[in-house]
C-alpha cells in the first residue's frame, strides 16, 4: 500500500505502510508493516502553538501577549504602526525588549520576522 500521512503536521513523526502477499505454490500468506520517520520542516506559526510551543516577552504592550507570536493568526502591519485589532505580539517600551519562543524540539529556522 501507499505510505500513510505523517503523524505530525510539523516536526518529526512517523508514517506506515502495509504490504500483503498472497501465497503461491502452497505457501502461507504474508503481511508486513513498515514504519519510517517523516520530517515536516515547513512549520508555520499555525503549527507552533499546536506543538506545545511557548512564548514569553519582557512585558505585554496594549494587551498583546507573547502567545500572539505563535497563534497562527494573520498580522496586519503598515510601516511601523499596527492597525487596530492587530494580532501581533508587542512588548513594552524598553531599552532591551525581548521575545522568547520555546519550540520544544530542534528545528531548522529559515526565517524570523520582527517588526
PDB file of N, CA and C in Angstrom:
ATOM      1  N   UNK A   1       0.846  -1.193   0.000  1.00  0.00           N
ATOM      2  CA  UNK A   1       0.000   0.000   0.000  1.00  0.00           C
ATOM      3  C   UNK A   1       0.883   1.246   0.000  1.00  0.00           C
ATOM      4  N   UNK A   2       0.274   2.384  -0.198  1.00  0.00           N
ATOM      5  CA  UNK A   2       0.996   3.657  -0.140  1.00  0.00           C
ATOM      6  C   UNK A   2       1.298   4.005   1.310  1.00  0.00           C
ATOM      7  N   UNK A   3       2.266   4.882   1.500  1.00  0.00           N
ATOM      8  CA  UNK A   3       2.590   5.356   2.846  1.00  0.00           C
ATOM      9  C   UNK A   3       1.408   6.156   3.403  1.00  0.00           C
ATOM     10  N   UNK A   4       1.155   6.018   4.690  1.00  0.00           N
ATOM     11  CA  UNK A   4       0.126   6.818   5.356  1.00  0.00           C
ATOM     12  C   UNK A   4       0.619   8.252   5.477  1.00  0.00           C
ATOM     13  N   UNK A   5      -0.259   9.143   5.883  1.00  0.00           N
ATOM     14  CA  UNK A   5       0.148  10.524   6.157  1.00  0.00           C
ATOM     15  C   UNK A   5       1.068  10.514   7.379  1.00  0.00           C
ATOM     16  N   UNK A   6       1.931  11.491   7.462  1.00  0.00           N
ATOM     17  CA  UNK A   6       2.822  11.627   8.613  1.00  0.00           C
ATOM     18  C   UNK A   6       1.986  11.867   9.867  1.00  0.00           C
ATOM     19  N   UNK A   7       2.448  11.380  11.005  1.00  0.00           N
ATOM     20  CA  UNK A   7       1.690  11.508  12.251  1.00  0.00           C
ATOM     21  C   UNK A   7       1.707  12.927  12.823  1.00  0.00           C
ATOM     22  N   UNK A   8       2.501  13.812  12.253  1.00  0.00           N
ATOM     23  CA  UNK A   8       2.559  15.206  12.705  1.00  0.00           C
ATOM     24  C   UNK A   8       2.389  16.138  11.515  1.00  0.00           C
ATOM     25  N   UNK A   9       1.966  17.364  11.780  1.00  0.00           N
ATOM     26  CA  UNK A   9       1.870  18.378  10.741  1.00  0.00           C
ATOM     27  C   UNK A   9       3.146  19.204  10.665  1.00  0.00           C
ATOM     28  N   UNK A  10       3.955  19.089  11.700  1.00  0.00           N
ATOM     29  CA  UNK A  10       5.180  19.869  11.771  1.00  0.00           C
ATOM     30  C   UNK A  10       6.146  19.142  12.687  1.00  0.00           C
ATOM     31  N   UNK A  11       7.392  19.020  12.269  1.00  0.00           N
ATOM     32  CA  UNK A  11       8.393  18.367  13.108  1.00  0.00           C
ATOM     33  C   UNK A  11       8.650  16.933  12.690  1.00  0.00           C
ATOM     34  N   UNK A  12       9.039  16.108  13.655  1.00  0.00           N
ATOM     35  CA  UNK A  12       9.393  14.717  13.393  1.00  0.00           C
ATOM     36  C   UNK A  12       8.248  13.790  13.766  1.00  0.00           C
ATOM     37  N   UNK A  13       7.891  12.899  12.860  1.00  0.00           N
ATOM     38  CA  UNK A  13       6.830  11.936  13.109  1.00  0.00           C
ATOM     39  C   UNK A  13       7.138  10.632  12.420  1.00  0.00           C
ATOM     40  N   UNK A  14       6.132   9.812  12.232  1.00  0.00           N
ATOM     41  CA  UNK A  14       6.300   8.537  11.535  1.00  0.00           C
ATOM     42  C   UNK A  14       5.167   8.355  10.546  1.00  0.00           C
ATOM     43  N   UNK A  15       5.408   7.476   9.584  1.00  0.00           N
ATOM     44  CA  UNK A  15       4.376   7.070   8.646  1.00  0.00           C
ATOM     45  C   UNK A  15       4.524   5.568   8.419  1.00  0.00           C
ATOM     46  N   UNK A  16       3.431   4.936   8.026  1.00  0.00           N
ATOM     47  CA  UNK A  16       3.384   3.476   7.938  1.00  0.00           C
ATOM     48  C   UNK A  16       2.792   3.039   6.614  1.00  0.00           C
ATOM     49  N   UNK A  17       3.172   1.840   6.196  1.00  0.00           N
ATOM     50  CA  UNK A  17       2.504   1.208   5.066  1.00  0.00           C
ATOM     51  C   UNK A  17       2.410  -0.281   5.357  1.00  0.00           C
ATOM     52  N   UNK A  18       1.389  -0.897   4.788  1.00  0.00           N
ATOM     53  CA  UNK A  18       1.129  -2.320   4.996  1.00  0.00           C
ATOM     54  C   UNK A  18       1.257  -3.033   3.653  1.00  0.00           C
ATOM     55  N   UNK A  19       1.932  -4.163   3.677  1.00  0.00           N
ATOM     56  CA  UNK A  19       2.137  -4.947   2.467  1.00  0.00           C
ATOM     57  C   UNK A  19       1.616  -6.361   2.723  1.00  0.00           C
ATOM     58  N   UNK A  20       0.758  -6.825   1.856  1.00  0.00           N
ATOM     59  CA  UNK A  20       0.227  -8.185   1.956  1.00  0.00           C
ATOM     60  C   UNK A  20       0.593  -8.947   0.695  1.00  0.00           C
ATOM     61  N   UNK A  21       1.000 -10.180   0.874  1.00  0.00           N
ATOM     62  CA  UNK A  21       1.348 -11.044  -0.263  1.00  0.00           C
ATOM     63  C   UNK A  21       0.545 -12.328  -0.153  1.00  0.00           C
ATOM     64  N   UNK A  22      -0.216 -12.612  -1.175  1.00  0.00           N
ATOM     65  CA  UNK A  22      -0.983 -13.852  -1.211  1.00  0.00           C
ATOM     66  C   UNK A  22      -0.028 -14.985  -1.556  1.00  0.00           C
ATOM     67  N   UNK A  23      -0.185 -16.098  -0.835  1.00  0.00           N
ATOM     68  CA  UNK A  23       0.705 -17.242  -1.023  1.00  0.00           C
ATOM     69  C   UNK A  23       0.520 -17.883  -2.390  1.00  0.00           C
ATOM     70  N   UNK A  24       1.613 -18.409  -2.902  1.00  0.00           N
ATOM     71  CA  UNK A  24       1.584 -19.180  -4.142  1.00  0.00           C
ATOM     72  C   UNK A  24       2.291 -20.511  -3.907  1.00  0.00           C
ATOM     73  N   UNK A  25       2.006 -21.474  -4.701  1.00  0.00           N
ATOM     74  CA  UNK A  25       2.672 -22.781  -4.636  1.00  0.00           C
ATOM     75  C   UNK A  25       2.588 -23.429  -3.259  1.00  0.00           C
ATOM     76  N   UNK A  26       1.443 -23.270  -2.572  1.00  0.00           N
ATOM     77  CA  UNK A  26       1.241 -23.949  -1.296  1.00  0.00           C
ATOM     78  C   UNK A  26       1.843 -23.251  -0.093  1.00  0.00           C
ATOM     79  N   UNK A  27       2.385 -22.076  -0.257  1.00  0.00           N
ATOM     80  CA  UNK A  27       2.971 -21.339   0.861  1.00  0.00           C
ATOM     81  C   UNK A  27       1.910 -20.664   1.715  1.00  0.00           C
ATOM     82  N   UNK A  28       2.328 -19.855   2.663  1.00  0.00           N
ATOM     83  CA  UNK A  28       1.406 -19.131   3.547  1.00  0.00           C
ATOM     84  C   UNK A  28       1.352 -17.661   3.136  1.00  0.00           C
ATOM     85  N   UNK A  29       0.164 -17.055   3.328  1.00  0.00           N
ATOM     86  CA  UNK A  29       0.019 -15.622   3.084  1.00  0.00           C
ATOM     87  C   UNK A  29       0.948 -14.864   4.032  1.00  0.00           C
ATOM     88  N   UNK A  30       1.393 -13.706   3.600  1.00  0.00           N
ATOM     89  CA  UNK A  30       2.334 -12.916   4.389  1.00  0.00           C
ATOM     90  C   UNK A  30       1.841 -11.474   4.455  1.00  0.00           C
ATOM     91  N   UNK A  31       1.901 -10.893   5.635  1.00  0.00           N
ATOM     92  CA  UNK A  31       1.553  -9.477   5.810  1.00  0.00           C
ATOM     93  C   UNK A  31       2.671  -8.808   6.609  1.00  0.00           C
ATOM     94  N   UNK A  32       3.120  -7.675   6.124  1.00  0.00           N
ATOM     95  CA  UNK A  32       4.211  -6.943   6.766  1.00  0.00           C
ATOM     96  C   UNK A  32       3.831  -5.474   6.868  1.00  0.00           C
ATOM     97  N   UNK A  33       4.187  -4.864   7.966  1.00  0.00           N
ATOM     98  CA  UNK A  33       4.014  -3.418   8.129  1.00  0.00           C
ATOM     99  C   UNK A  33       5.379  -2.774   8.237  1.00  0.00           C
ATOM    100  N   UNK A  34       5.548  -1.648   7.591  1.00  0.00           N
ATOM    101  CA  UNK A  34       6.802  -0.896   7.658  1.00  0.00           C
ATOM    102  C   UNK A  34       6.506   0.485   8.210  1.00  0.00           C
ATOM    103  N   UNK A  35       7.398   0.973   9.036  1.00  0.00           N
ATOM    104  CA  UNK A  35       7.278   2.318   9.591  1.00  0.00           C
ATOM    105  C   UNK A  35       8.587   3.056   9.336  1.00  0.00           C
ATOM    106  N   UNK A  36       8.467   4.324   8.963  1.00  0.00           N
ATOM    107  CA  UNK A  36       9.664   5.137   8.772  1.00  0.00           C
ATOM    108  C   UNK A  36       9.438   6.512   9.368  1.00  0.00           C
ATOM    109  N   UNK A  37      10.531   7.210   9.613  1.00  0.00           N
ATOM    110  CA  UNK A  37      10.473   8.563  10.152  1.00  0.00           C
ATOM    111  C   UNK A  37      10.121   9.530   9.028  1.00  0.00           C
ATOM    112  N   UNK A  38       9.252  10.478   9.314  1.00  0.00           N
ATOM    113  CA  UNK A  38       8.968  11.551   8.364  1.00  0.00           C
ATOM    114  C   UNK A  38       9.255  12.867   9.074  1.00  0.00           C
ATOM    115  N   UNK A  39       9.804  13.815   8.350  1.00  0.00           N
ATOM    116  CA  UNK A  39      10.156  15.117   8.909  1.00  0.00           C
ATOM    117  C   UNK A  39       9.448  16.195   8.098  1.00  0.00           C
ATOM    118  N   UNK A  40       8.592  16.935   8.750  1.00  0.00           N
ATOM    119  CA  UNK A  40       7.892  18.049   8.114  1.00  0.00           C
ATOM    120  C   UNK A  40       8.572  19.323   8.612  1.00  0.00           C
ATOM    121  N   UNK A  41       9.358  19.944   7.754  1.00  0.00           N
ATOM    122  CA  UNK A  41      10.167  21.085   8.213  1.00  0.00           C
ATOM    123  C   UNK A  41       9.547  22.440   7.895  1.00  0.00           C
ATOM    124  N   UNK A  42       8.460  22.464   7.156  1.00  0.00           N
ATOM    125  CA  UNK A  42       7.846  23.756   6.814  1.00  0.00           C
ATOM    126  C   UNK A  42       6.804  24.123   7.859  1.00  0.00           C
ATOM    127  N   UNK A  43       7.270  24.363   9.071  1.00  0.00           N
ATOM    128  CA  UNK A  43       6.374  24.707  10.170  1.00  0.00           C
ATOM    129  C   UNK A  43       6.004  26.177  10.110  1.00  0.00           C
ATOM    130  N   UNK A  44       4.753  26.470  10.309  1.00  0.00           N
ATOM    131  CA  UNK A  44       4.297  27.856  10.368  1.00  0.00           C
ATOM    132  C   UNK A  44       3.818  28.146  11.773  1.00  0.00           C
ATOM    133  N   UNK A  45       3.539  29.387  12.043  1.00  0.00           N
ATOM    134  CA  UNK A  45       3.041  29.756  13.367  1.00  0.00           C
ATOM    135  C   UNK A  45       1.771  29.002  13.706  1.00  0.00           C
ATOM    136  N   UNK A  46       0.976  28.674  12.715  1.00  0.00           N
ATOM    137  CA  UNK A  46      -0.246  27.917  12.963  1.00  0.00           C
ATOM    138  C   UNK A  46       0.092  26.604  13.649  1.00  0.00           C
ATOM    139  N   UNK A  47       1.185  26.000  13.258  1.00  0.00           N
ATOM    140  CA  UNK A  47       1.562  24.724  13.828  1.00  0.00           C
ATOM    141  C   UNK A  47       2.294  24.853  15.159  1.00  0.00           C
ATOM    142  N   UNK A  48       2.962  25.954  15.393  1.00  0.00           N
ATOM    143  CA  UNK A  48       3.785  26.086  16.592  1.00  0.00           C
ATOM    144  C   UNK A  48       2.983  25.952  17.871  1.00  0.00           C
ATOM    145  N   UNK A  49       1.853  26.624  17.961  1.00  0.00           N
ATOM    146  CA  UNK A  49       1.067  26.516  19.186  1.00  0.00           C
ATOM    147  C   UNK A  49       0.490  25.112  19.326  1.00  0.00           C
ATOM    148  N   UNK A  50       0.177  24.455  18.223  1.00  0.00           N
ATOM    149  CA  UNK A  50      -0.334  23.094  18.270  1.00  0.00           C
ATOM    150  C   UNK A  50       0.729  22.120  18.764  1.00  0.00           C
ATOM    151  N   UNK A  51       1.993  22.432  18.543  1.00  0.00           N
ATOM    152  CA  UNK A  51       3.093  21.583  19.006  1.00  0.00           C
ATOM    153  C   UNK A  51       3.386  21.773  20.485  1.00  0.00           C
ATOM    154  N   UNK A  52       2.739  22.718  21.112  1.00  0.00           N
ATOM    155  CA  UNK A  52       3.004  22.997  22.516  1.00  0.00           C
ATOM    156  C   UNK A  52       4.097  24.025  22.719  1.00  0.00           C
ATOM    157  N   UNK A  53       4.485  24.731  21.656  1.00  0.00           N
ATOM    158  CA  UNK A  53       5.485  25.783  21.791  1.00  0.00           C
ATOM    159  C   UNK A  53       4.968  26.837  22.775  1.00  0.00           C
ATOM    160  N   UNK A  54       5.892  27.469  23.470  1.00  0.00           N
ATOM    161  CA  UNK A  54       5.513  28.523  24.403  1.00  0.00           C
ATOM    162  C   UNK A  54       6.255  29.807  24.029  1.00  0.00           C
ATOM    163  N   UNK A  55       5.684  30.925  24.425  1.00  0.00           N
ATOM    164  CA  UNK A  55       6.298  32.218  24.127  1.00  0.00           C
ATOM    165  C   UNK A  55       6.160  33.127  25.345  1.00  0.00           C
ATOM    166  N   UNK A  56       7.196  33.932  25.569  1.00  0.00           N
ATOM    167  CA  UNK A  56       7.125  34.952  26.618  1.00  0.00           C
ATOM    168  C   UNK A  56       7.948  36.148  26.177  1.00  0.00           C
ATOM    169  N   UNK A  57       7.667  37.290  26.783  1.00  0.00           N
ATOM    170  CA  UNK A  57       8.368  38.528  26.436  1.00  0.00           C
ATOM    171  C   UNK A  57       8.533  39.365  27.684  1.00  0.00           C
ATOM    172  N   UNK A  58       9.313  40.460  27.565  1.00  0.00           N
ATOM    173  CA  UNK A  58       9.631  41.259  28.741  1.00  0.00           C
ATOM    174  C   UNK A  58       8.444  42.053  29.279  1.00  0.00           C
ATOM    175  N   UNK A  59       7.340  42.052  28.631  1.00  0.00           N
ATOM    176  CA  UNK A  59       6.122  42.709  29.103  1.00  0.00           C
ATOM    177  C   UNK A  59       5.161  42.910  27.949  1.00  0.00           C
ATOM    178  N   UNK A  60       3.874  42.833  28.229  1.00  0.00           N
ATOM    179  CA  UNK A  60       2.870  42.999  27.172  1.00  0.00           C
ATOM    180  C   UNK A  60       2.550  44.471  26.964  1.00  0.00           C
ATOM    181  N   UNK A  61       2.422  44.874  25.715  1.00  0.00           N
ATOM    182  CA  UNK A  61       2.024  46.224  25.376  1.00  0.00           C
ATOM    183  C   UNK A  61       0.646  46.174  24.734  1.00  0.00           C
ATOM    184  N   UNK A  62      -0.237  47.046  25.168  1.00  0.00           N
ATOM    185  CA  UNK A  62      -1.580  47.196  24.592  1.00  0.00           C
ATOM    186  C   UNK A  62      -2.337  45.870  24.528  1.00  0.00           C
ATOM    187  N   UNK A  63      -2.170  45.043  25.550  1.00  0.00           N
ATOM    188  CA  UNK A  63      -2.910  43.783  25.599  1.00  0.00           C
ATOM    189  C   UNK A  63      -2.483  42.769  24.551  1.00  0.00           C
ATOM    190  N   UNK A  64      -1.244  42.852  24.093  1.00  0.00           N
ATOM    191  CA  UNK A  64      -0.753  41.930  23.057  1.00  0.00           C
ATOM    192  C   UNK A  64       0.322  41.005  23.640  1.00  0.00           C
ATOM    193  N   UNK A  65      -0.087  39.865  24.217  1.00  0.00           N
ATOM    194  CA  UNK A  65       0.867  38.956  24.859  1.00  0.00           C
ATOM    195  C   UNK A  65       1.732  38.204  23.851  1.00  0.00           C
ATOM    196  N   UNK A  66       2.786  37.617  24.351  1.00  0.00           N
ATOM    197  CA  UNK A  66       3.747  36.881  23.522  1.00  0.00           C
ATOM    198  C   UNK A  66       3.092  35.714  22.782  1.00  0.00           C
ATOM    199  N   UNK A  67       2.055  35.137  23.351  1.00  0.00           N
ATOM    200  CA  UNK A  67       1.404  33.987  22.706  1.00  0.00           C
ATOM    201  C   UNK A  67       0.834  34.343  21.332  1.00  0.00           C
ATOM    202  N   UNK A  68       0.608  35.629  21.068  1.00  0.00           N
ATOM    203  CA  UNK A  68       0.125  36.033  19.749  1.00  0.00           C
ATOM    204  C   UNK A  68       1.183  35.801  18.660  1.00  0.00           C
ATOM    205  N   UNK A  69       2.443  35.636  19.062  1.00  0.00           N
ATOM    206  CA  UNK A  69       3.514  35.390  18.091  1.00  0.00           C
ATOM    207  C   UNK A  69       3.471  33.969  17.535  1.00  0.00           C
ATOM    208  N   UNK A  70       2.763  33.071  18.207  1.00  0.00           N
ATOM    209  CA  UNK A  70       2.744  31.673  17.772  1.00  0.00           C
ATOM    210  C   UNK A  70       1.340  31.128  17.545  1.00  0.00           C
ATOM    211  N   UNK A  71       0.332  31.994  17.550  1.00  0.00           N
ATOM    212  CA  UNK A  71      -1.047  31.501  17.445  1.00  0.00           C
ATOM    213  C   UNK A  71      -1.509  31.266  16.011  1.00  0.00           C
ATOM    214  N   UNK A  72      -0.702  31.662  15.028  1.00  0.00           N
ATOM    215  CA  UNK A  72      -1.055  31.404  13.638  1.00  0.00           C
ATOM    216  C   UNK A  72      -1.997  32.408  13.014  1.00  0.00           C
ATOM    217  N   UNK A  73      -2.437  33.391  13.770  1.00  0.00           N
ATOM    218  CA  UNK A  73      -3.332  34.407  13.222  1.00  0.00           C
ATOM    219  C   UNK A  73      -2.570  35.332  12.284  1.00  0.00           C
ATOM    220  N   UNK A  74      -3.233  35.810  11.234  1.00  0.00           N
ATOM    221  CA  UNK A  74      -2.558  36.743  10.331  1.00  0.00           C
ATOM    222  C   UNK A  74      -2.310  38.076  11.026  1.00  0.00           C
ATOM    223  N   UNK A  75      -1.237  38.750  10.625  1.00  0.00           N
ATOM    224  CA  UNK A  75      -0.925  40.062  11.182  1.00  0.00           C
ATOM    225  C   UNK A  75      -1.059  41.112  10.095  1.00  0.00           C
ATOM    226  N   UNK A  76      -1.373  42.297  10.519  1.00  0.00           N
ATOM    227  CA  UNK A  76      -1.520  43.401   9.579  1.00  0.00           C
ATOM    228  C   UNK A  76      -0.628  44.533  10.038  1.00  0.00           C
ATOM    229  N   UNK A  77       0.311  44.914   9.204  1.00  0.00           N
ATOM    230  CA  UNK A  77       1.273  45.945   9.581  1.00  0.00           C
ATOM    231  C   UNK A  77       1.428  46.940   8.438  1.00  0.00           C
ATOM    232  N   UNK A  78       1.462  48.236   8.775  1.00  0.00           N
ATOM    233  CA  UNK A  78       1.741  49.275   7.789  1.00  0.00           C
ATOM    234  C   UNK A  78       2.888  50.094   8.350  1.00  0.00           C
ATOM    235  N   UNK A  79       4.031  50.035   7.712  1.00  0.00           N
ATOM    236  CA  UNK A  79       5.191  50.758   8.245  1.00  0.00           C
ATOM    237  C   UNK A  79       5.504  50.273   9.643  1.00  0.00           C
ATOM    238  N   UNK A  80       5.587  51.193  10.593  1.00  0.00           N
ATOM    239  CA  UNK A  80       5.866  50.828  11.977  1.00  0.00           C
ATOM    240  C   UNK A  80       4.615  50.823  12.849  1.00  0.00           C
ATOM    241  N   UNK A  81       3.472  51.219  12.316  1.00  0.00           N
ATOM    242  CA  UNK A  81       2.287  51.295  13.159  1.00  0.00           C
ATOM    243  C   UNK A  81       1.374  50.098  12.926  1.00  0.00           C
ATOM    244  N   UNK A  82       0.889  49.529  14.009  1.00  0.00           N
ATOM    245  CA  UNK A  82      -0.008  48.389  13.936  1.00  0.00           C
ATOM    246  C   UNK A  82      -1.448  48.874  13.761  1.00  0.00           C
ATOM    247  N   UNK A  83      -2.183  48.210  12.904  1.00  0.00           N
ATOM    248  CA  UNK A  83      -3.602  48.533  12.747  1.00  0.00           C
ATOM    249  C   UNK A  83      -4.357  48.143  14.013  1.00  0.00           C
ATOM    250  N   UNK A  84      -5.437  48.861  14.326  1.00  0.00           N
ATOM    251  CA  UNK A  84      -6.260  48.437  15.466  1.00  0.00           C
ATOM    252  C   UNK A  84      -6.740  46.999  15.232  1.00  0.00           C
ATOM    253  N   UNK A  85      -6.739  46.224  16.298  1.00  0.00           N
ATOM    254  CA  UNK A  85      -7.182  44.844  16.172  1.00  0.00           C
ATOM    255  C   UNK A  85      -6.104  43.905  15.660  1.00  0.00           C
ATOM    256  N   UNK A  86      -4.879  44.392  15.515  1.00  0.00           N
ATOM    257  CA  UNK A  86      -3.783  43.551  15.035  1.00  0.00           C
ATOM    258  C   UNK A  86      -3.569  42.382  15.986  1.00  0.00           C
ATOM    259  N   UNK A  87      -3.080  41.283  15.442  1.00  0.00           N
ATOM    260  CA  UNK A  87      -2.820  40.108  16.268  1.00  0.00           C
ATOM    261  C   UNK A  87      -1.332  39.898  16.521  1.00  0.00           C
ATOM    262  N   UNK A  88      -0.528  40.939  16.347  1.00  0.00           N
ATOM    263  CA  UNK A  88       0.904  40.834  16.631  1.00  0.00           C
ATOM    264  C   UNK A  88       1.152  40.880  18.136  1.00  0.00           C
ATOM    265  N   UNK A  89       2.166  40.147  18.586  1.00  0.00           N
ATOM    266  CA  UNK A  89       2.630  40.311  19.956  1.00  0.00           C
ATOM    267  C   UNK A  89       3.348  41.644  20.024  1.00  0.00           C
ATOM    268  N   UNK A  90       3.315  42.297  21.171  1.00  0.00           N
ATOM    269  CA  UNK A  90       4.012  43.583  21.323  1.00  0.00           C
ATOM    270  C   UNK A  90       4.573  43.684  22.735  1.00  0.00           C
ATOM    271  N   UNK A  91       5.839  44.070  22.825  1.00  0.00           N
ATOM    272  CA  UNK A  91       6.476  44.222  24.130  1.00  0.00           C
ATOM    273  C   UNK A  91       6.325  45.655  24.627  1.00  0.00           C
ATOM    274  N   UNK A  92       6.530  45.822  25.926  1.00  0.00           N
ATOM    275  CA  UNK A  92       6.512  47.167  26.491  1.00  0.00           C
ATOM    276  C   UNK A  92       7.735  47.930  25.997  1.00  0.00           C
ATOM    277  N   UNK A  93       7.663  49.253  26.036  1.00  0.00           N
ATOM    278  CA  UNK A  93       8.786  50.093  25.636  1.00  0.00           C
ATOM    279  C   UNK A  93       9.948  49.820  26.585  1.00  0.00           C
ATOM    280  N   UNK A  94      11.089  49.481  26.021  1.00  0.00           N
ATOM    281  CA  UNK A  94      12.232  49.081  26.823  1.00  0.00           C
ATOM    282  C   UNK A  94      13.511  49.289  26.026  1.00  0.00           C
ATOM    283  N   UNK A  95      14.621  49.512  26.719  1.00  0.00           N
ATOM    284  CA  UNK A  95      15.899  49.631  26.010  1.00  0.00           C
ATOM    285  C   UNK A  95      16.383  48.265  25.521  1.00  0.00           C
ATOM    286  N   UNK A  96      15.902  47.200  26.130  1.00  0.00           N
ATOM    287  CA  UNK A  96      16.278  45.840  25.726  1.00  0.00           C
ATOM    288  C   UNK A  96      15.041  44.944  25.627  1.00  0.00           C
ATOM    289  N   UNK A  97      14.155  45.203  24.679  1.00  0.00           N
ATOM    290  CA  UNK A  97      12.960  44.346  24.569  1.00  0.00           C
ATOM    291  C   UNK A  97      13.353  42.945  24.106  1.00  0.00           C
ATOM    292  N   UNK A  98      12.593  41.948  24.529  1.00  0.00           N
ATOM    293  CA  UNK A  98      12.880  40.588  24.101  1.00  0.00           C
ATOM    294  C   UNK A  98      11.600  39.766  23.992  1.00  0.00           C
ATOM    295  N   UNK A  99      11.681  38.782  23.131  1.00  0.00           N
ATOM    296  CA  UNK A  99      10.618  37.803  22.926  1.00  0.00           C
ATOM    297  C   UNK A  99      11.305  36.453  22.846  1.00  0.00           C
ATOM    298  N   UNK A 100      10.848  35.489  23.625  1.00  0.00           N
ATOM    299  CA  UNK A 100      11.448  34.154  23.640  1.00  0.00           C
ATOM    300  C   UNK A 100      10.392  33.133  23.255  1.00  0.00           C
ATOM    301  N   UNK A 101      10.735  32.273  22.290  1.00  0.00           N
ATOM    302  CA  UNK A 101       9.836  31.203  21.863  1.00  0.00           C
ATOM    303  C   UNK A 101      10.552  29.882  22.061  1.00  0.00           C
ATOM    304  N   UNK A 102       9.930  28.991  22.815  1.00  0.00           N
ATOM    305  CA  UNK A 102      10.483  27.655  23.042  1.00  0.00           C
ATOM    306  C   UNK A 102       9.718  26.684  22.147  1.00  0.00           C
ATOM    307  N   UNK A 103      10.392  26.135  21.150  1.00  0.00           N
ATOM    308  CA  UNK A 103       9.760  25.241  20.179  1.00  0.00           C
ATOM    309  C   UNK A 103       9.634  23.806  20.685  1.00  0.00           C
ATOM    310  N   UNK A 104      10.212  23.505  21.827  1.00  0.00           N
ATOM    311  CA  UNK A 104      10.144  22.180  22.455  1.00  0.00           C
ATOM    312  C   UNK A 104      10.874  21.085  21.693  1.00  0.00           C
ATOM    313  N   UNK A 105      11.605  21.444  20.649  1.00  0.00           N
ATOM    314  CA  UNK A 105      12.396  20.487  19.874  1.00  0.00           C
ATOM    315  C   UNK A 105      13.399  21.286  19.048  1.00  0.00           C
ATOM    316  N   UNK A 106      14.264  20.590  18.346  1.00  0.00           N
ATOM    317  CA  UNK A 106      15.256  21.247  17.500  1.00  0.00           C
ATOM    318  C   UNK A 106      14.699  21.337  16.079  1.00  0.00           C
ATOM    319  N   UNK A 107      14.671  22.546  15.522  1.00  0.00           N
ATOM    320  CA  UNK A 107      14.177  22.784  14.174  1.00  0.00           C
ATOM    321  C   UNK A 107      15.157  23.682  13.427  1.00  0.00           C
ATOM    322  N   UNK A 108      15.199  23.548  12.129  1.00  0.00           N
ATOM    323  CA  UNK A 108      15.938  24.471  11.291  1.00  0.00           C
ATOM    324  C   UNK A 108      15.011  25.656  11.038  1.00  0.00           C
ATOM    325  N   UNK A 109      15.371  26.822  11.553  1.00  0.00           N
ATOM    326  CA  UNK A 109      14.552  28.019  11.380  1.00  0.00           C
ATOM    327  C   UNK A 109      15.110  28.813  10.222  1.00  0.00           C
ATOM    328  N   UNK A 110      14.306  29.002   9.184  1.00  0.00           N
ATOM    329  CA  UNK A 110      14.793  29.682   7.998  1.00  0.00           C
ATOM    330  C   UNK A 110      14.423  31.158   7.959  1.00  0.00           C
ATOM    331  N   UNK A 111      13.436  31.569   8.785  1.00  0.00           N
ATOM    332  CA  UNK A 111      13.053  32.983   8.748  1.00  0.00           C
ATOM    333  C   UNK A 111      12.352  33.365  10.029  1.00  0.00           C
ATOM    334  N   UNK A 112      12.721  34.518  10.561  1.00  0.00           N
ATOM    335  CA  UNK A 112      12.048  35.141  11.689  1.00  0.00           C
ATOM    336  C   UNK A 112      11.759  36.561  11.291  1.00  0.00           C
ATOM    337  N   UNK A 113      10.533  37.001  11.480  1.00  0.00           N
ATOM    338  CA  UNK A 113      10.155  38.362  11.086  1.00  0.00           C
ATOM    339  C   UNK A 113       9.807  39.171  12.315  1.00  0.00           C
ATOM    340  N   UNK A 114      10.564  40.208  12.580  1.00  0.00           N
ATOM    341  CA  UNK A 114      10.301  41.119  13.695  1.00  0.00           C
ATOM    342  C   UNK A 114      10.041  42.503  13.124  1.00  0.00           C
ATOM    343  N   UNK A 115       9.020  43.140  13.626  1.00  0.00           N
ATOM    344  CA  UNK A 115       8.626  44.447  13.112  1.00  0.00           C
ATOM    345  C   UNK A 115       8.769  45.480  14.209  1.00  0.00           C
TER     346      UNK A 115
END
